[in-house]
């Protein structure tokens, strides 16, 4: 029983695959181009997160040590 079902299904799938290469085959439209990302939103989010982190746990800026 399973052999007969698999033969029928494989025949249908193979036929569908072979017919897709025909010139009259249905086509799907190209996907719409995505909007370019702007860095302003990313910079704004980073600034907001930095300010939130400073409010949650403020700490003084430590000066850099010069090489001697």
PDB file of N, CA and C in Angstrom:
ATOM      1  N   UNK A   1       0.811  -1.184   0.000  1.00  0.00           N
ATOM      2  CA  UNK A   1       0.000   0.000   0.000  1.00  0.00           C
ATOM      3  C   UNK A   1       0.862   1.258   0.000  1.00  0.00           C
ATOM      4  N   UNK A   2       1.908   1.273   0.835  1.00  0.00           N
ATOM      5  CA  UNK A   2       2.761   2.451   0.893  1.00  0.00           C
ATOM      6  C   UNK A   2       3.574   2.615  -0.385  1.00  0.00           C
ATOM      7  N   UNK A   3       3.920   1.495  -1.009  1.00  0.00           N
ATOM      8  CA  UNK A   3       4.676   1.577  -2.254  1.00  0.00           C
ATOM      9  C   UNK A   3       3.840   2.224  -3.352  1.00  0.00           C
ATOM     10  N   UNK A   4       2.572   1.882  -3.432  1.00  0.00           N
ATOM     11  CA  UNK A   4       1.700   2.465  -4.438  1.00  0.00           C
ATOM     12  C   UNK A   4       1.517   3.960  -4.186  1.00  0.00           C
ATOM     13  N   UNK A   5       1.323   4.345  -2.931  1.00  0.00           N
ATOM     14  CA  UNK A   5       1.152   5.756  -2.589  1.00  0.00           C
ATOM     15  C   UNK A   5       2.407   6.549  -2.910  1.00  0.00           C
ATOM     16  N   UNK A   6       3.555   5.997  -2.568  1.00  0.00           N
ATOM     17  CA  UNK A   6       4.800   6.713  -2.841  1.00  0.00           C
ATOM     18  C   UNK A   6       5.055   6.824  -4.341  1.00  0.00           C
ATOM     19  N   UNK A   7       4.661   5.809  -5.110  1.00  0.00           N
ATOM     20  CA  UNK A   7       4.831   5.885  -6.571  1.00  0.00           C
ATOM     21  C   UNK A   7       3.949   6.979  -7.158  1.00  0.00           C
ATOM     22  N   UNK A   8       2.737   7.085  -6.694  1.00  0.00           N
ATOM     23  CA  UNK A   8       1.822   8.105  -7.215  1.00  0.00           C
ATOM     24  C   UNK A   8       2.309   9.491  -6.830  1.00  0.00           C
ATOM     25  N   UNK A   9       2.694   9.649  -5.567  1.00  0.00           N
ATOM     26  CA  UNK A   9       3.173  10.950  -5.119  1.00  0.00           C
ATOM     27  C   UNK A   9       4.455  11.357  -5.839  1.00  0.00           C
ATOM     28  N   UNK A  10       5.373  10.433  -6.013  1.00  0.00           N
ATOM     29  CA  UNK A  10       6.626  10.774  -6.680  1.00  0.00           C
ATOM     30  C   UNK A  10       6.383  11.126  -8.145  1.00  0.00           C
ATOM     31  N   UNK A  11       5.434  10.448  -8.775  1.00  0.00           N
ATOM     32  CA  UNK A  11       5.106  10.762 -10.159  1.00  0.00           C
ATOM     33  C   UNK A  11       4.541  12.176 -10.274  1.00  0.00           C
ATOM     34  N   UNK A  12       3.653  12.549  -9.351  1.00  0.00           N
ATOM     35  CA  UNK A  12       3.057  13.884  -9.382  1.00  0.00           C
ATOM     36  C   UNK A  12       4.100  14.967  -9.106  1.00  0.00           C
ATOM     37  N   UNK A  13       4.956  14.721  -8.135  1.00  0.00           N
ATOM     38  CA  UNK A  13       5.979  15.705  -7.790  1.00  0.00           C
ATOM     39  C   UNK A  13       6.968  15.871  -8.940  1.00  0.00           C
ATOM     40  N   UNK A  14       7.354  14.774  -9.557  1.00  0.00           N
ATOM     41  CA  UNK A  14       8.283  14.847 -10.686  1.00  0.00           C
ATOM     42  C   UNK A  14       7.657  15.592 -11.849  1.00  0.00           C
ATOM     43  N   UNK A  15       6.407  15.321 -12.138  1.00  0.00           N
ATOM     44  CA  UNK A  15       5.723  16.022 -13.226  1.00  0.00           C
ATOM     45  C   UNK A  15       5.624  17.517 -12.932  1.00  0.00           C
ATOM     46  N   UNK A  16       5.290  17.872 -11.702  1.00  0.00           N
ATOM     47  CA  UNK A  16       5.189  19.283 -11.338  1.00  0.00           C
ATOM     48  C   UNK A  16       6.546  19.968 -11.486  1.00  0.00           C
ATOM     49  N   UNK A  17       7.610  19.264 -11.096  1.00  0.00           N
ATOM     50  CA  UNK A  17       8.953  19.840 -11.200  1.00  0.00           C
ATOM     51  C   UNK A  17       9.355  20.030 -12.660  1.00  0.00           C
ATOM     52  N   UNK A  18       9.066  19.053 -13.492  1.00  0.00           N
ATOM     53  CA  UNK A  18       9.436  19.158 -14.900  1.00  0.00           C
ATOM     54  C   UNK A  18       8.609  20.214 -15.624  1.00  0.00           C
ATOM     55  N   UNK A  19       7.352  20.359 -15.255  1.00  0.00           N
ATOM     56  CA  UNK A  19       6.501  21.355 -15.905  1.00  0.00           C
ATOM     57  C   UNK A  19       6.857  22.777 -15.475  1.00  0.00           C
ATOM     58  N   UNK A  20       7.569  22.925 -14.368  1.00  0.00           N
ATOM     59  CA  UNK A  20       7.904  24.265 -13.904  1.00  0.00           C
ATOM     60  C   UNK A  20       8.968  24.916 -14.773  1.00  0.00           C
ATOM     61  N   UNK A  21       9.675  24.147 -15.580  1.00  0.00           N
ATOM     62  CA  UNK A  21      10.710  24.707 -16.435  1.00  0.00           C
ATOM     63  C   UNK A  21      10.145  25.177 -17.780  1.00  0.00           C
ATOM     64  N   UNK A  22       8.877  25.023 -17.986  1.00  0.00           N
ATOM     65  CA  UNK A  22       8.273  25.427 -19.256  1.00  0.00           C
ATOM     66  C   UNK A  22       8.115  26.939 -19.306  1.00  0.00           C
ATOM     67  N   UNK A  23       8.111  27.525 -20.505  1.00  0.00           N
ATOM     68  CA  UNK A  23       7.964  28.974 -20.629  1.00  0.00           C
ATOM     69  C   UNK A  23       6.621  29.483 -20.118  1.00  0.00           C
ATOM     70  N   UNK A  24       5.601  28.656 -20.126  1.00  0.00           N
ATOM     71  CA  UNK A  24       4.284  29.096 -19.684  1.00  0.00           C
ATOM     72  C   UNK A  24       4.046  28.799 -18.207  1.00  0.00           C
ATOM     73  N   UNK A  25       5.104  28.431 -17.487  1.00  0.00           N
ATOM     74  CA  UNK A  25       4.960  28.096 -16.072  1.00  0.00           C
ATOM     75  C   UNK A  25       4.608  29.351 -15.278  1.00  0.00           C
ATOM     76  N   UNK A  26       3.813  29.201 -14.234  1.00  0.00           N
ATOM     77  CA  UNK A  26       3.484  30.369 -13.416  1.00  0.00           C
ATOM     78  C   UNK A  26       4.727  30.890 -12.697  1.00  0.00           C
ATOM     79  N   UNK A  27       4.811  32.179 -12.587  1.00  0.00           N
ATOM     80  CA  UNK A  27       5.965  32.790 -11.932  1.00  0.00           C
ATOM     81  C   UNK A  27       5.506  33.556 -10.698  1.00  0.00           C
ATOM     82  N   UNK A  28       6.427  33.745  -9.804  1.00  0.00           N
ATOM     83  CA  UNK A  28       6.133  34.546  -8.613  1.00  0.00           C
ATOM     84  C   UNK A  28       6.809  35.898  -8.784  1.00  0.00           C
ATOM     85  N   UNK A  29       6.165  36.958  -8.347  1.00  0.00           N
ATOM     86  CA  UNK A  29       6.790  38.273  -8.495  1.00  0.00           C
ATOM     87  C   UNK A  29       8.010  38.402  -7.591  1.00  0.00           C
ATOM     88  N   UNK A  30       8.915  39.270  -7.997  1.00  0.00           N
ATOM     89  CA  UNK A  30      10.117  39.501  -7.201  1.00  0.00           C
ATOM     90  C   UNK A  30       9.729  40.184  -5.891  1.00  0.00           C
ATOM     91  N   UNK A  31      10.412  39.859  -4.815  1.00  0.00           N
ATOM     92  CA  UNK A  31      10.078  40.501  -3.539  1.00  0.00           C
ATOM     93  C   UNK A  31      10.376  41.998  -3.586  1.00  0.00           C
ATOM     94  N   UNK A  32       9.599  42.748  -2.829  1.00  0.00           N
ATOM     95  CA  UNK A  32       9.800  44.190  -2.793  1.00  0.00           C
ATOM     96  C   UNK A  32      11.127  44.508  -2.107  1.00  0.00           C
ATOM     97  N   UNK A  33      11.825  45.525  -2.593  1.00  0.00           N
ATOM     98  CA  UNK A  33      13.103  45.866  -1.955  1.00  0.00           C
ATOM     99  C   UNK A  33      12.866  46.428  -0.551  1.00  0.00           C
ATOM    100  N   UNK A  34      13.774  46.101   0.351  1.00  0.00           N
ATOM    101  CA  UNK A  34      13.661  46.582   1.723  1.00  0.00           C
ATOM    102  C   UNK A  34      14.127  48.022   1.812  1.00  0.00           C
ATOM    103  N   UNK A  35      13.525  48.752   2.748  1.00  0.00           N
ATOM    104  CA  UNK A  35      13.953  50.127   2.960  1.00  0.00           C
ATOM    105  C   UNK A  35      15.357  50.120   3.550  1.00  0.00           C
ATOM    106  N   UNK A  36      16.193  51.047   3.141  1.00  0.00           N
ATOM    107  CA  UNK A  36      17.531  51.086   3.735  1.00  0.00           C
ATOM    108  C   UNK A  36      17.446  51.509   5.200  1.00  0.00           C
ATOM    109  N   UNK A  37      18.256  50.894   6.002  1.00  0.00           N
ATOM    110  CA  UNK A  37      18.269  51.224   7.423  1.00  0.00           C
ATOM    111  C   UNK A  37      19.001  52.544   7.623  1.00  0.00           C
ATOM    112  N   UNK A  38      18.491  53.315   8.529  1.00  0.00           N
ATOM    113  CA  UNK A  38      19.160  54.564   8.852  1.00  0.00           C
ATOM    114  C   UNK A  38      19.882  54.399  10.174  1.00  0.00           C
ATOM    115  N   UNK A  39      21.017  55.029  10.269  1.00  0.00           N
ATOM    116  CA  UNK A  39      21.806  54.924  11.486  1.00  0.00           C
ATOM    117  C   UNK A  39      21.281  55.844  12.575  1.00  0.00           C
ATOM    118  N   UNK A  40      20.397  56.776  12.222  1.00  0.00           N
ATOM    119  CA  UNK A  40      19.900  57.699  13.230  1.00  0.00           C
ATOM    120  C   UNK A  40      19.079  56.971  14.281  1.00  0.00           C
ATOM    121  N   UNK A  41      18.252  56.040  13.868  1.00  0.00           N
ATOM    122  CA  UNK A  41      17.462  55.278  14.829  1.00  0.00           C
ATOM    123  C   UNK A  41      18.333  54.444  15.738  1.00  0.00           C
ATOM    124  N   UNK A  42      19.350  53.847  15.179  1.00  0.00           N
ATOM    125  CA  UNK A  42      20.266  53.022  15.961  1.00  0.00           C
ATOM    126  C   UNK A  42      21.053  53.886  16.953  1.00  0.00           C
ATOM    127  N   UNK A  43      21.511  55.065  16.500  1.00  0.00           N
ATOM    128  CA  UNK A  43      22.261  55.965  17.379  1.00  0.00           C
ATOM    129  C   UNK A  43      21.358  56.499  18.489  1.00  0.00           C
ATOM    130  N   UNK A  44      20.112  56.815  18.155  1.00  0.00           N
ATOM    131  CA  UNK A  44      19.171  57.309  19.149  1.00  0.00           C
ATOM    132  C   UNK A  44      18.907  56.234  20.211  1.00  0.00           C
ATOM    133  N   UNK A  45      18.722  55.008  19.791  1.00  0.00           N
ATOM    134  CA  UNK A  45      18.500  53.914  20.731  1.00  0.00           C
ATOM    135  C   UNK A  45      19.728  53.707  21.614  1.00  0.00           C
ATOM    136  N   UNK A  46      20.913  53.771  21.042  1.00  0.00           N
ATOM    137  CA  UNK A  46      22.139  53.597  21.833  1.00  0.00           C
ATOM    138  C   UNK A  46      22.267  54.710  22.864  1.00  0.00           C
ATOM    139  N   UNK A  47      21.933  55.934  22.488  1.00  0.00           N
ATOM    140  CA  UNK A  47      21.999  57.059  23.421  1.00  0.00           C
ATOM    141  C   UNK A  47      21.007  56.874  24.558  1.00  0.00           C
ATOM    142  N   UNK A  48      19.797  56.469  24.220  1.00  0.00           N
ATOM    143  CA  UNK A  48      18.781  56.260  25.261  1.00  0.00           C
ATOM    144  C   UNK A  48      19.192  55.147  26.222  1.00  0.00           C
ATOM    145  N   UNK A  49      19.737  54.057  25.701  1.00  0.00           N
ATOM    146  CA  UNK A  49      20.170  52.964  26.559  1.00  0.00           C
ATOM    147  C   UNK A  49      21.341  53.372  27.446  1.00  0.00           C
ATOM    148  N   UNK A  50      22.253  54.188  26.906  1.00  0.00           N
ATOM    149  CA  UNK A  50      23.389  54.667  27.695  1.00  0.00           C
ATOM    150  C   UNK A  50      22.913  55.553  28.833  1.00  0.00           C
ATOM    151  N   UNK A  51      21.960  56.431  28.557  1.00  0.00           N
ATOM    152  CA  UNK A  51      21.424  57.307  29.597  1.00  0.00           C
ATOM    153  C   UNK A  51      20.686  56.498  30.657  1.00  0.00           C
ATOM    154  N   UNK A  52      19.945  55.486  30.239  1.00  0.00           N
ATOM    155  CA  UNK A  52      19.253  54.629  31.191  1.00  0.00           C
ATOM    156  C   UNK A  52      20.261  53.892  32.069  1.00  0.00           C
ATOM    157  N   UNK A  53      21.330  53.406  31.487  1.00  0.00           N
ATOM    158  CA  UNK A  53      22.353  52.700  32.259  1.00  0.00           C
ATOM    159  C   UNK A  53      23.012  53.637  33.262  1.00  0.00           C
ATOM    160  N   UNK A  54      23.225  54.899  32.887  1.00  0.00           N
ATOM    161  CA  UNK A  54      23.810  55.861  33.814  1.00  0.00           C
ATOM    162  C   UNK A  54      22.863  56.174  34.962  1.00  0.00           C
ATOM    163  N   UNK A  55      21.575  56.162  34.712  1.00  0.00           N
ATOM    164  CA  UNK A  55      20.621  56.407  35.791  1.00  0.00           C
ATOM    165  C   UNK A  55      20.547  55.215  36.740  1.00  0.00           C
ATOM    166  N   UNK A  56      20.603  54.019  36.180  1.00  0.00           N
ATOM    167  CA  UNK A  56      20.494  52.820  37.003  1.00  0.00           C
ATOM    168  C   UNK A  56      21.745  52.650  37.862  1.00  0.00           C
ATOM    169  N   UNK A  57      22.901  52.795  37.270  1.00  0.00           N
ATOM    170  CA  UNK A  57      24.148  52.618  38.006  1.00  0.00           C
ATOM    171  C   UNK A  57      25.151  53.675  37.569  1.00  0.00           C
ATOM    172  N   UNK A  58      25.073  54.872  38.178  1.00  0.00           N
ATOM    173  CA  UNK A  58      26.013  55.924  37.783  1.00  0.00           C
ATOM    174  C   UNK A  58      27.425  55.605  38.272  1.00  0.00           C
ATOM    175  N   UNK A  59      28.400  56.005  37.498  1.00  0.00           N
ATOM    176  CA  UNK A  59      29.783  55.833  37.936  1.00  0.00           C
ATOM    177  C   UNK A  59      30.603  56.951  37.306  1.00  0.00           C
ATOM    178  N   UNK A  60      31.608  57.341  38.023  1.00  0.00           N
ATOM    179  CA  UNK A  60      32.461  58.428  37.562  1.00  0.00           C
ATOM    180  C   UNK A  60      33.378  57.938  36.430  1.00  0.00           C
ATOM    181  N   UNK A  61      33.664  58.851  35.549  1.00  0.00           N
ATOM    182  CA  UNK A  61      34.564  58.519  34.451  1.00  0.00           C
ATOM    183  C   UNK A  61      35.981  58.501  34.990  1.00  0.00           C
ATOM    184  N   UNK A  62      36.695  57.434  34.742  1.00  0.00           N
ATOM    185  CA  UNK A  62      38.069  57.320  35.236  1.00  0.00           C
ATOM    186  C   UNK A  62      39.023  57.841  34.160  1.00  0.00           C
ATOM    187  N   UNK A  63      39.924  58.735  34.532  1.00  0.00           N
ATOM    188  CA  UNK A  63      40.844  59.285  33.526  1.00  0.00           C
ATOM    189  C   UNK A  63      41.842  58.212  33.081  1.00  0.00           C
ATOM    190  N   UNK A  64      42.310  58.358  31.872  1.00  0.00           N
ATOM    191  CA  UNK A  64      43.298  57.426  31.331  1.00  0.00           C
ATOM    192  C   UNK A  64      44.650  57.690  31.975  1.00  0.00           C
ATOM    193  N   UNK A  65      45.417  56.660  32.198  1.00  0.00           N
ATOM    194  CA  UNK A  65      46.747  56.825  32.760  1.00  0.00           C
ATOM    195  C   UNK A  65      47.740  56.973  31.626  1.00  0.00           C
ATOM    196  N   UNK A  66      48.618  57.934  31.762  1.00  0.00           N
ATOM    197  CA  UNK A  66      49.616  58.147  30.714  1.00  0.00           C
ATOM    198  C   UNK A  66      50.771  57.173  30.915  1.00  0.00           C
ATOM    199  N   UNK A  67      51.397  56.806  29.845  1.00  0.00           N
ATOM    200  CA  UNK A  67      52.533  55.896  29.925  1.00  0.00           C
ATOM    201  C   UNK A  67      53.742  56.657  30.440  1.00  0.00           C
ATOM    202  N   UNK A  68      54.498  56.049  31.356  1.00  0.00           N
ATOM    203  CA  UNK A  68      55.679  56.742  31.855  1.00  0.00           C
ATOM    204  C   UNK A  68      56.945  56.051  31.429  1.00  0.00           C
TER     205      UNK A  68
END
